[in-house]
């Protein structure tokens, strides 16, 4: 599998057009992707018109300090969980000038998995118009494949949310 299989640049272009047309700004909150979503967005020339900022919060401490994720929430549910993905997306909105956010937290591998959260498990959070939705996915493959699949799914779903907000 290669980058062309994911068609990430086309998704970013579609996302950019929607955000510009709707006069919205995007913030990203990333853990397992380490800034790949923000990097894909800013690869597109003119992204400053719609991309507000990205938070790379790989550690639990960074999630708490940069996004305001409650450390007790992480302790109770783990960093790779629905409540943390939700809090990351909402924290990105609260700590930026954006009105749209995407958050990802997962186990990219090859280590770090558990029976409850195997390698490839990713929680997503999308916040649009004050409504946050979350989703759990599991992707097969090596670390690179899981991370790229995460970027693709995050962008695809966000495009869908902006096309059909409710």
C-alpha atoms as a PDB file:
ATOM      1  CA  UNK A   1       0.000   0.000   0.000  1.00  0.00           C
ATOM      2  CA  UNK A   2       1.324   3.455  -0.836  1.00  0.00           C
ATOM      3  CA  UNK A   3       0.290   7.070  -0.309  1.00  0.00           C
ATOM      4  CA  UNK A   4      -1.583   7.152  -3.627  1.00  0.00           C
ATOM      5  CA  UNK A   5      -3.925   4.451  -2.328  1.00  0.00           C
ATOM      6  CA  UNK A   6      -5.174   6.896   0.268  1.00  0.00           C
ATOM      7  CA  UNK A   7      -5.605   9.928  -2.037  1.00  0.00           C
ATOM      8  CA  UNK A   8      -5.007  12.239   0.905  1.00  0.00           C
ATOM      9  CA  UNK A   9      -4.203  15.342  -1.192  1.00  0.00           C
ATOM     10  CA  UNK A  10      -7.595  15.107  -2.937  1.00  0.00           C
ATOM     11  CA  UNK A  11      -9.360  14.822   0.428  1.00  0.00           C
ATOM     12  CA  UNK A  12      -7.484  17.863   1.713  1.00  0.00           C
ATOM     13  CA  UNK A  13      -8.455  19.865  -1.374  1.00  0.00           C
ATOM     14  CA  UNK A  14     -12.094  18.903  -0.880  1.00  0.00           C
ATOM     15  CA  UNK A  15     -11.903  19.785   2.817  1.00  0.00           C
ATOM     16  CA  UNK A  16     -10.272  23.131   2.031  1.00  0.00           C
ATOM     17  CA  UNK A  17     -13.001  24.054  -0.442  1.00  0.00           C
ATOM     18  CA  UNK A  18     -15.726  23.237   2.099  1.00  0.00           C
ATOM     19  CA  UNK A  19     -14.062  25.125   4.944  1.00  0.00           C
ATOM     20  CA  UNK A  20     -13.451  28.195   2.783  1.00  0.00           C
ATOM     21  CA  UNK A  21     -17.002  28.173   1.410  1.00  0.00           C
ATOM     22  CA  UNK A  22     -18.425  27.836   4.927  1.00  0.00           C
ATOM     23  CA  UNK A  23     -15.972  30.375   6.369  1.00  0.00           C
ATOM     24  CA  UNK A  24     -14.691  27.933   8.930  1.00  0.00           C
ATOM     25  CA  UNK A  25     -11.315  27.290  10.533  1.00  0.00           C
ATOM     26  CA  UNK A  26      -9.869  23.875  11.393  1.00  0.00           C
ATOM     27  CA  UNK A  27      -7.797  22.755  14.356  1.00  0.00           C
ATOM     28  CA  UNK A  28      -6.318  19.286  14.714  1.00  0.00           C
ATOM     29  CA  UNK A  29      -5.518  17.374  17.905  1.00  0.00           C
ATOM     30  CA  UNK A  30      -3.297  14.397  17.175  1.00  0.00           C
ATOM     31  CA  UNK A  31      -1.682  11.672  19.184  1.00  0.00           C
ATOM     32  CA  UNK A  32      -0.956   8.497  17.186  1.00  0.00           C
ATOM     33  CA  UNK A  33      -0.548  10.391  13.899  1.00  0.00           C
ATOM     34  CA  UNK A  34       2.012  12.794  15.382  1.00  0.00           C
ATOM     35  CA  UNK A  35       0.969  15.736  13.219  1.00  0.00           C
ATOM     36  CA  UNK A  36       0.347  13.903   9.933  1.00  0.00           C
ATOM     37  CA  UNK A  37      -3.164  15.368   9.602  1.00  0.00           C
ATOM     38  CA  UNK A  38      -1.887  18.905  10.138  1.00  0.00           C
ATOM     39  CA  UNK A  39       0.997  18.168   7.787  1.00  0.00           C
ATOM     40  CA  UNK A  40      -1.362  16.935   5.071  1.00  0.00           C
ATOM     41  CA  UNK A  41      -3.514  20.039   5.492  1.00  0.00           C
ATOM     42  CA  UNK A  42      -0.643  22.489   5.365  1.00  0.00           C
ATOM     43  CA  UNK A  43       0.881  20.726   2.359  1.00  0.00           C
ATOM     44  CA  UNK A  44      -1.820  22.481   0.336  1.00  0.00           C
ATOM     45  CA  UNK A  45      -0.800  25.985  -0.675  1.00  0.00           C
ATOM     46  CA  UNK A  46      -3.089  28.627   0.811  1.00  0.00           C
ATOM     47  CA  UNK A  47      -4.032  26.489   3.807  1.00  0.00           C
ATOM     48  CA  UNK A  48      -3.667  29.504   6.097  1.00  0.00           C
ATOM     49  CA  UNK A  49      -7.109  30.570   4.817  1.00  0.00           C
ATOM     50  CA  UNK A  50      -8.756  27.655   6.625  1.00  0.00           C
ATOM     51  CA  UNK A  51      -6.225  25.829   8.840  1.00  0.00           C
ATOM     52  CA  UNK A  52      -5.945  27.547  12.231  1.00  0.00           C
ATOM     53  CA  UNK A  53      -3.558  25.295  14.181  1.00  0.00           C
ATOM     54  CA  UNK A  54      -2.546  21.783  15.101  1.00  0.00           C
ATOM     55  CA  UNK A  55      -1.857  20.240  18.481  1.00  0.00           C
ATOM     56  CA  UNK A  56       0.455  17.242  18.632  1.00  0.00           C
ATOM     57  CA  UNK A  57      -0.247  15.756  22.032  1.00  0.00           C
ATOM     58  CA  UNK A  58       1.536  12.445  22.027  1.00  0.00           C
ATOM     59  CA  UNK A  59       1.947  12.083  25.786  1.00  0.00           C
ATOM     60  CA  UNK A  60      -0.815  12.047  28.369  1.00  0.00           C
ATOM     61  CA  UNK A  61       0.739  15.133  29.942  1.00  0.00           C
ATOM     62  CA  UNK A  62       0.563  16.979  26.621  1.00  0.00           C
ATOM     63  CA  UNK A  63      -3.108  16.073  26.242  1.00  0.00           C
ATOM     64  CA  UNK A  64      -3.777  17.563  29.679  1.00  0.00           C
ATOM     65  CA  UNK A  65      -1.556  20.646  29.317  1.00  0.00           C
ATOM     66  CA  UNK A  66      -2.272  21.606  25.710  1.00  0.00           C
ATOM     67  CA  UNK A  67      -5.897  20.500  25.312  1.00  0.00           C
ATOM     68  CA  UNK A  68      -7.203  20.513  28.873  1.00  0.00           C
ATOM     69  CA  UNK A  69      -7.978  16.790  28.887  1.00  0.00           C
ATOM     70  CA  UNK A  70      -8.622  15.839  32.499  1.00  0.00           C
ATOM     71  CA  UNK A  71      -5.815  13.567  33.750  1.00  0.00           C
ATOM     72  CA  UNK A  72      -8.412  11.597  35.738  1.00  0.00           C
ATOM     73  CA  UNK A  73     -10.302  10.918  32.505  1.00  0.00           C
ATOM     74  CA  UNK A  74      -7.137   9.459  30.992  1.00  0.00           C
ATOM     75  CA  UNK A  75      -6.448   7.446  34.154  1.00  0.00           C
ATOM     76  CA  UNK A  76      -9.981   6.038  34.192  1.00  0.00           C
ATOM     77  CA  UNK A  77     -10.360   5.211  30.480  1.00  0.00           C
ATOM     78  CA  UNK A  78      -6.870   5.268  28.989  1.00  0.00           C
ATOM     79  CA  UNK A  79      -5.562   7.642  26.355  1.00  0.00           C
ATOM     80  CA  UNK A  80      -7.062   5.511  23.584  1.00  0.00           C
ATOM     81  CA  UNK A  81     -10.736   5.889  24.453  1.00  0.00           C
ATOM     82  CA  UNK A  82     -13.950   7.601  23.467  1.00  0.00           C
ATOM     83  CA  UNK A  83     -13.937  10.107  26.346  1.00  0.00           C
ATOM     84  CA  UNK A  84     -10.358  11.175  25.581  1.00  0.00           C
ATOM     85  CA  UNK A  85     -10.993  11.539  21.819  1.00  0.00           C
ATOM     86  CA  UNK A  86     -14.057  13.668  22.632  1.00  0.00           C
ATOM     87  CA  UNK A  87     -12.128  15.792  25.135  1.00  0.00           C
ATOM     88  CA  UNK A  88      -9.282  16.275  22.644  1.00  0.00           C
ATOM     89  CA  UNK A  89     -11.636  17.536  19.917  1.00  0.00           C
ATOM     90  CA  UNK A  90     -13.453  19.825  22.334  1.00  0.00           C
ATOM     91  CA  UNK A  91     -10.149  21.015  23.804  1.00  0.00           C
ATOM     92  CA  UNK A  92      -8.859  21.910  20.340  1.00  0.00           C
ATOM     93  CA  UNK A  93     -11.922  24.108  19.829  1.00  0.00           C
ATOM     94  CA  UNK A  94     -11.650  25.674  23.281  1.00  0.00           C
ATOM     95  CA  UNK A  95      -7.932  26.431  22.920  1.00  0.00           C
ATOM     96  CA  UNK A  96      -7.951  27.826  19.408  1.00  0.00           C
ATOM     97  CA  UNK A  97      -9.872  30.167  17.156  1.00  0.00           C
ATOM     98  CA  UNK A  98     -11.186  27.262  15.104  1.00  0.00           C
ATOM     99  CA  UNK A  99     -14.828  26.220  14.902  1.00  0.00           C
ATOM    100  CA  UNK A 100     -14.102  22.762  13.464  1.00  0.00           C
ATOM    101  CA  UNK A 101     -11.789  20.168  14.995  1.00  0.00           C
ATOM    102  CA  UNK A 102     -10.633  16.632  14.405  1.00  0.00           C
ATOM    103  CA  UNK A 103      -8.883  14.541  17.063  1.00  0.00           C
ATOM    104  CA  UNK A 104      -7.214  11.134  16.900  1.00  0.00           C
ATOM    105  CA  UNK A 105      -5.795   8.892  19.596  1.00  0.00           C
ATOM    106  CA  UNK A 106      -4.773   5.317  18.999  1.00  0.00           C
ATOM    107  CA  UNK A 107      -2.305   2.452  19.015  1.00  0.00           C
ATOM    108  CA  UNK A 108      -0.289   2.610  15.792  1.00  0.00           C
ATOM    109  CA  UNK A 109       2.021  -0.248  16.761  1.00  0.00           C
ATOM    110  CA  UNK A 110       3.910  -2.368  16.400  1.00  0.00           C
ATOM    111  CA  UNK A 111       3.849  -2.475  20.215  1.00  0.00           C
ATOM    112  CA  UNK A 112       1.541  -0.968  22.813  1.00  0.00           C
ATOM    113  CA  UNK A 113      -1.563  -3.013  22.051  1.00  0.00           C
ATOM    114  CA  UNK A 114      -3.629  -4.996  24.512  1.00  0.00           C
ATOM    115  CA  UNK A 115      -6.523  -7.465  24.199  1.00  0.00           C
ATOM    116  CA  UNK A 116      -8.961  -4.590  24.827  1.00  0.00           C
ATOM    117  CA  UNK A 117      -7.118  -2.151  22.537  1.00  0.00           C
ATOM    118  CA  UNK A 118      -5.150  -4.102  19.940  1.00  0.00           C
ATOM    119  CA  UNK A 119      -2.640  -2.477  17.615  1.00  0.00           C
ATOM    120  CA  UNK A 120      -4.572  -0.547  14.975  1.00  0.00           C
ATOM    121  CA  UNK A 121      -7.269   0.682  17.368  1.00  0.00           C
ATOM    122  CA  UNK A 122      -8.003   4.376  16.892  1.00  0.00           C
ATOM    123  CA  UNK A 123     -10.587   6.666  18.471  1.00  0.00           C
ATOM    124  CA  UNK A 124     -11.663   9.703  16.465  1.00  0.00           C
ATOM    125  CA  UNK A 125     -13.429  12.874  17.562  1.00  0.00           C
ATOM    126  CA  UNK A 126     -14.922  15.506  15.243  1.00  0.00           C
ATOM    127  CA  UNK A 127     -16.388  18.744  16.536  1.00  0.00           C
ATOM    128  CA  UNK A 128     -18.504  20.907  14.215  1.00  0.00           C
ATOM    129  CA  UNK A 129     -20.905  23.610  15.363  1.00  0.00           C
ATOM    130  CA  UNK A 130     -20.556  22.580  18.991  1.00  0.00           C
ATOM    131  CA  UNK A 131     -21.564  18.976  18.235  1.00  0.00           C
ATOM    132  CA  UNK A 132     -18.882  16.377  18.876  1.00  0.00           C
ATOM    133  CA  UNK A 133     -19.113  12.916  17.404  1.00  0.00           C
ATOM    134  CA  UNK A 134     -16.759  10.034  18.067  1.00  0.00           C
ATOM    135  CA  UNK A 135     -15.969   6.737  16.429  1.00  0.00           C
ATOM    136  CA  UNK A 136     -13.720   3.749  17.080  1.00  0.00           C
ATOM    137  CA  UNK A 137     -11.991   2.028  14.186  1.00  0.00           C
ATOM    138  CA  UNK A 138      -9.419  -0.697  13.870  1.00  0.00           C
ATOM    139  CA  UNK A 139      -6.985  -0.702  10.974  1.00  0.00           C
ATOM    140  CA  UNK A 140      -4.809  -3.617   9.891  1.00  0.00           C
ATOM    141  CA  UNK A 141      -1.224  -3.259   8.794  1.00  0.00           C
ATOM    142  CA  UNK A 142       2.088  -1.923   9.967  1.00  0.00           C
ATOM    143  CA  UNK A 143       2.604   1.368  11.808  1.00  0.00           C
ATOM    144  CA  UNK A 144       2.815   3.449   8.640  1.00  0.00           C
ATOM    145  CA  UNK A 145      -0.333   1.884   7.191  1.00  0.00           C
ATOM    146  CA  UNK A 146      -2.310   2.414  10.402  1.00  0.00           C
ATOM    147  CA  UNK A 147      -1.239   6.058  10.624  1.00  0.00           C
ATOM    148  CA  UNK A 148      -2.088   6.803   6.980  1.00  0.00           C
ATOM    149  CA  UNK A 149      -5.437   5.007   7.271  1.00  0.00           C
ATOM    150  CA  UNK A 150      -6.144   7.148  10.336  1.00  0.00           C
ATOM    151  CA  UNK A 151      -5.388  10.364   8.431  1.00  0.00           C
ATOM    152  CA  UNK A 152      -7.579   9.278   5.530  1.00  0.00           C
ATOM    153  CA  UNK A 153     -10.536   8.295   7.730  1.00  0.00           C
ATOM    154  CA  UNK A 154     -10.270  11.473   9.800  1.00  0.00           C
ATOM    155  CA  UNK A 155     -10.365  13.647   6.671  1.00  0.00           C
ATOM    156  CA  UNK A 156     -13.058  11.626   4.864  1.00  0.00           C
ATOM    157  CA  UNK A 157     -15.382  11.741   7.824  1.00  0.00           C
ATOM    158  CA  UNK A 158     -14.800  15.448   8.371  1.00  0.00           C
ATOM    159  CA  UNK A 159     -15.604  16.144   4.705  1.00  0.00           C
ATOM    160  CA  UNK A 160     -18.809  14.153   5.154  1.00  0.00           C
ATOM    161  CA  UNK A 161     -19.742  16.069   8.304  1.00  0.00           C
ATOM    162  CA  UNK A 162     -19.239  19.398   6.543  1.00  0.00           C
ATOM    163  CA  UNK A 163     -21.287  18.283   3.543  1.00  0.00           C
ATOM    164  CA  UNK A 164     -24.141  17.042   5.770  1.00  0.00           C
ATOM    165  CA  UNK A 165     -23.744  18.844   9.110  1.00  0.00           C
ATOM    166  CA  UNK A 166     -26.445  16.975  11.034  1.00  0.00           C
END
